[in-house]
Amino acid sequence: MKRGPLEFVVVEFTDGFPGRRLGPELHRLVDQEIVRIIDMVVVDRAADGTVTSHELSEYEGDAEFEAIDAAIQAVDGLISEQDVQDLAETIRPGAKALVLLFEHLWLSSLRAVIDEAGGEIVMAERIPGPVVDAIEEAAVAAGGRLP
């Protein structure tokens, strides 16, 4: 089976961790085979910039974290300490973040068809949602229309 691309997503929370709200959506994405969650870690960036990371299993008994733990489908530990340190640069001091590593399953089946047809994916680039929102807002402000 051809693998889809893996992607890191860092989700920062400054007002607590909404695991009970995130859990059902993560499970939906997994159940519908849109993504496979490979690993998740919680990263704390202290006010002084010190970074610590924690596997979800360290939060046993905390309903907010247990609500999402079951969505992980692969091996814990694939996110390295170096990954954590690199990704922590995006987290504001004093905040906590959930770092997810997931596979795009929807693209793995497409990739197999492309490969069978003699094609090859030569470039894929993600444009962050907030950037897309800003571009769309600017287009509308300039008199453009959105589909």
Protein backbone atom coordinates (compact mmCIF):
# COMPACT_ATOMS: atom_id res chain seq x y z
CA MET A 1 0.00 0.00 0.00
CA LYS A 2 1.24 3.45 -0.89
CA ARG A 3 1.44 5.89 1.99
CA GLY A 4 -0.12 9.31 1.96
CA PRO A 5 1.95 12.27 3.10
CA LEU A 6 2.49 12.80 6.81
CA GLU A 7 1.85 16.21 8.31
CA PHE A 8 2.54 17.88 11.62
CA VAL A 9 -0.14 20.16 13.02
CA VAL A 10 0.49 22.24 16.15
CA VAL A 11 -2.66 23.43 17.92
CA GLU A 12 -2.05 25.97 20.68
CA PHE A 13 -4.39 26.45 23.64
CA THR A 14 -4.10 29.24 26.17
CA ASP A 15 -7.42 28.66 27.97
CA GLY A 16 -7.35 24.96 28.81
CA PHE A 17 -7.47 21.88 26.67
CA PRO A 18 -10.83 21.05 25.00
CA GLY A 19 -10.23 17.33 24.53
CA ARG A 20 -13.88 16.37 24.95
CA ARG A 21 -14.75 18.66 22.04
CA LEU A 22 -11.76 17.64 19.90
CA GLY A 23 -12.14 13.91 20.51
CA PRO A 24 -15.34 13.35 18.49
CA GLU A 25 -14.00 15.28 15.49
CA LEU A 26 -10.69 13.41 15.53
CA HIS A 27 -12.58 10.11 15.75
CA ARG A 28 -14.81 11.15 12.82
CA LEU A 29 -11.78 11.89 10.64
CA VAL A 30 -10.25 8.54 11.58
CA ASP A 31 -13.49 6.55 11.20
CA GLN A 32 -14.12 8.04 7.74
CA GLU A 33 -10.55 7.13 6.76
CA ILE A 34 -9.65 10.72 5.94
CA VAL A 35 -6.58 10.66 8.17
CA ARG A 36 -4.62 8.18 10.27
CA ILE A 37 -3.31 9.74 13.45
CA ILE A 38 0.23 8.47 13.84
CA ASP A 39 1.22 10.19 17.08
CA MET A 40 0.21 13.03 19.40
CA VAL A 41 2.10 14.75 22.17
CA VAL A 42 1.30 17.64 24.47
CA VAL A 43 3.91 20.39 24.54
CA ASP A 44 4.16 22.99 27.30
CA ARG A 45 6.16 26.12 26.63
CA ALA A 46 6.78 27.91 29.91
CA ALA A 47 6.85 31.69 30.18
CA ASP A 48 10.66 31.54 30.21
CA GLY A 49 10.64 29.52 26.96
CA THR A 50 11.44 26.16 28.55
CA VAL A 51 9.82 23.34 26.59
CA THR A 52 8.54 20.03 27.97
CA SER A 53 6.60 17.34 26.15
CA HIS A 54 4.25 14.64 27.40
CA GLU A 55 2.68 11.56 25.84
CA LEU A 56 -1.09 11.44 26.26
CA SER A 57 -0.71 8.32 28.41
CA GLU A 58 0.81 10.57 31.09
CA TYR A 59 -2.62 12.18 31.50
CA GLU A 60 -4.40 8.96 32.45
CA GLY A 61 -7.51 9.81 34.42
CA ASP A 62 -7.88 13.26 32.81
CA ALA A 63 -11.09 13.07 30.76
CA GLU A 64 -10.01 15.91 28.45
CA PHE A 65 -7.00 13.92 27.27
CA GLU A 66 -8.57 10.47 27.39
CA ALA A 67 -11.24 11.70 24.96
CA ILE A 68 -8.66 11.94 22.19
CA ASP A 69 -6.16 9.23 23.17
CA ALA A 70 -8.16 6.43 21.54
CA ALA A 71 -7.98 8.18 18.15
CA ILE A 72 -4.27 7.38 17.84
CA GLN A 73 -3.90 4.48 15.42
CA ALA A 74 -0.16 3.97 15.23
CA VAL A 75 2.88 3.83 17.45
CA ASP A 76 3.46 6.44 20.14
CA GLY A 77 6.92 7.92 20.09
CA LEU A 78 7.24 8.72 16.40
CA ILE A 79 7.39 12.44 17.20
CA SER A 80 10.98 12.90 18.29
CA GLU A 81 12.32 15.23 20.94
CA GLN A 82 14.02 17.20 18.14
CA ASP A 83 10.64 17.55 16.39
CA VAL A 84 9.18 18.85 19.66
CA GLN A 85 11.96 21.41 20.09
CA ASP A 86 11.62 22.59 16.47
CA LEU A 87 7.83 22.80 16.57
CA ALA A 88 7.81 24.49 19.99
CA GLU A 89 9.19 27.62 18.34
CA THR A 90 5.67 28.20 16.99
CA ILE A 91 4.08 28.04 20.46
CA ARG A 92 3.73 31.22 22.52
CA PRO A 93 5.46 31.24 25.90
CA GLY A 94 2.99 30.25 28.61
CA ALA A 95 0.85 28.15 26.26
CA LYS A 96 0.16 24.45 25.87
CA ALA A 97 -0.14 22.79 22.47
CA LEU A 98 -1.24 19.51 21.01
CA VAL A 99 1.18 18.30 18.34
CA LEU A 100 -0.38 15.83 15.92
CA LEU A 101 1.39 13.75 13.29
CA PHE A 102 -1.08 12.32 10.82
CA GLU A 103 -1.22 10.64 7.43
CA HIS A 104 -3.52 11.88 4.68
CA LEU A 105 -5.31 8.62 3.81
CA TRP A 106 -7.40 10.26 1.10
CA LEU A 107 -4.19 10.93 -0.82
CA SER A 108 -2.74 7.44 -0.41
CA SER A 109 -5.45 5.86 -2.61
CA LEU A 110 -5.10 8.66 -5.16
CA ARG A 111 -1.34 8.16 -5.14
CA ALA A 112 -1.77 4.46 -5.94
CA VAL A 113 -3.92 5.30 -8.99
CA ILE A 114 -1.44 7.96 -10.11
CA ASP A 115 1.45 5.51 -9.75
CA GLU A 116 -0.42 2.81 -11.70
CA ALA A 117 -1.02 5.32 -14.49
CA GLY A 118 2.71 6.09 -14.65
CA GLY A 119 2.39 9.44 -12.94
CA GLU A 120 4.18 10.84 -9.94
CA ILE A 121 3.26 13.52 -7.43
CA VAL A 122 6.14 15.96 -7.84
CA MET A 123 4.97 18.72 -5.53
CA ALA A 124 2.44 19.18 -2.78
CA GLU A 125 2.27 22.28 -0.64
CA ARG A 126 -0.07 23.17 2.17
CA ILE A 127 -1.42 26.70 2.43
CA PRO A 128 -2.52 27.40 6.03
CA GLY A 129 -6.22 28.13 6.54
CA PRO A 130 -5.64 31.62 8.02
CA VAL A 131 -3.65 32.57 4.90
CA VAL A 132 -6.49 31.35 2.65
CA ASP A 133 -9.00 33.30 4.77
CA ALA A 134 -6.94 36.50 4.42
CA ILE A 135 -6.60 36.07 0.65
CA GLU A 136 -10.34 35.48 0.28
CA GLU A 137 -11.18 38.50 2.45
CA ALA A 138 -8.86 40.68 0.35
CA ALA A 139 -10.42 39.38 -2.87
CA VAL A 140 -13.95 40.11 -1.64
CA ALA A 141 -12.89 43.58 -0.42
CA ALA A 142 -11.50 44.28 -3.89
CA GLY A 143 -14.84 43.39 -5.45
CA GLY A 144 -14.13 39.76 -6.25
CA ARG A 145 -16.47 36.85 -5.72
CA LEU A 146 -15.89 33.51 -4.07
CA PRO A 147 -17.22 30.20 -5.39
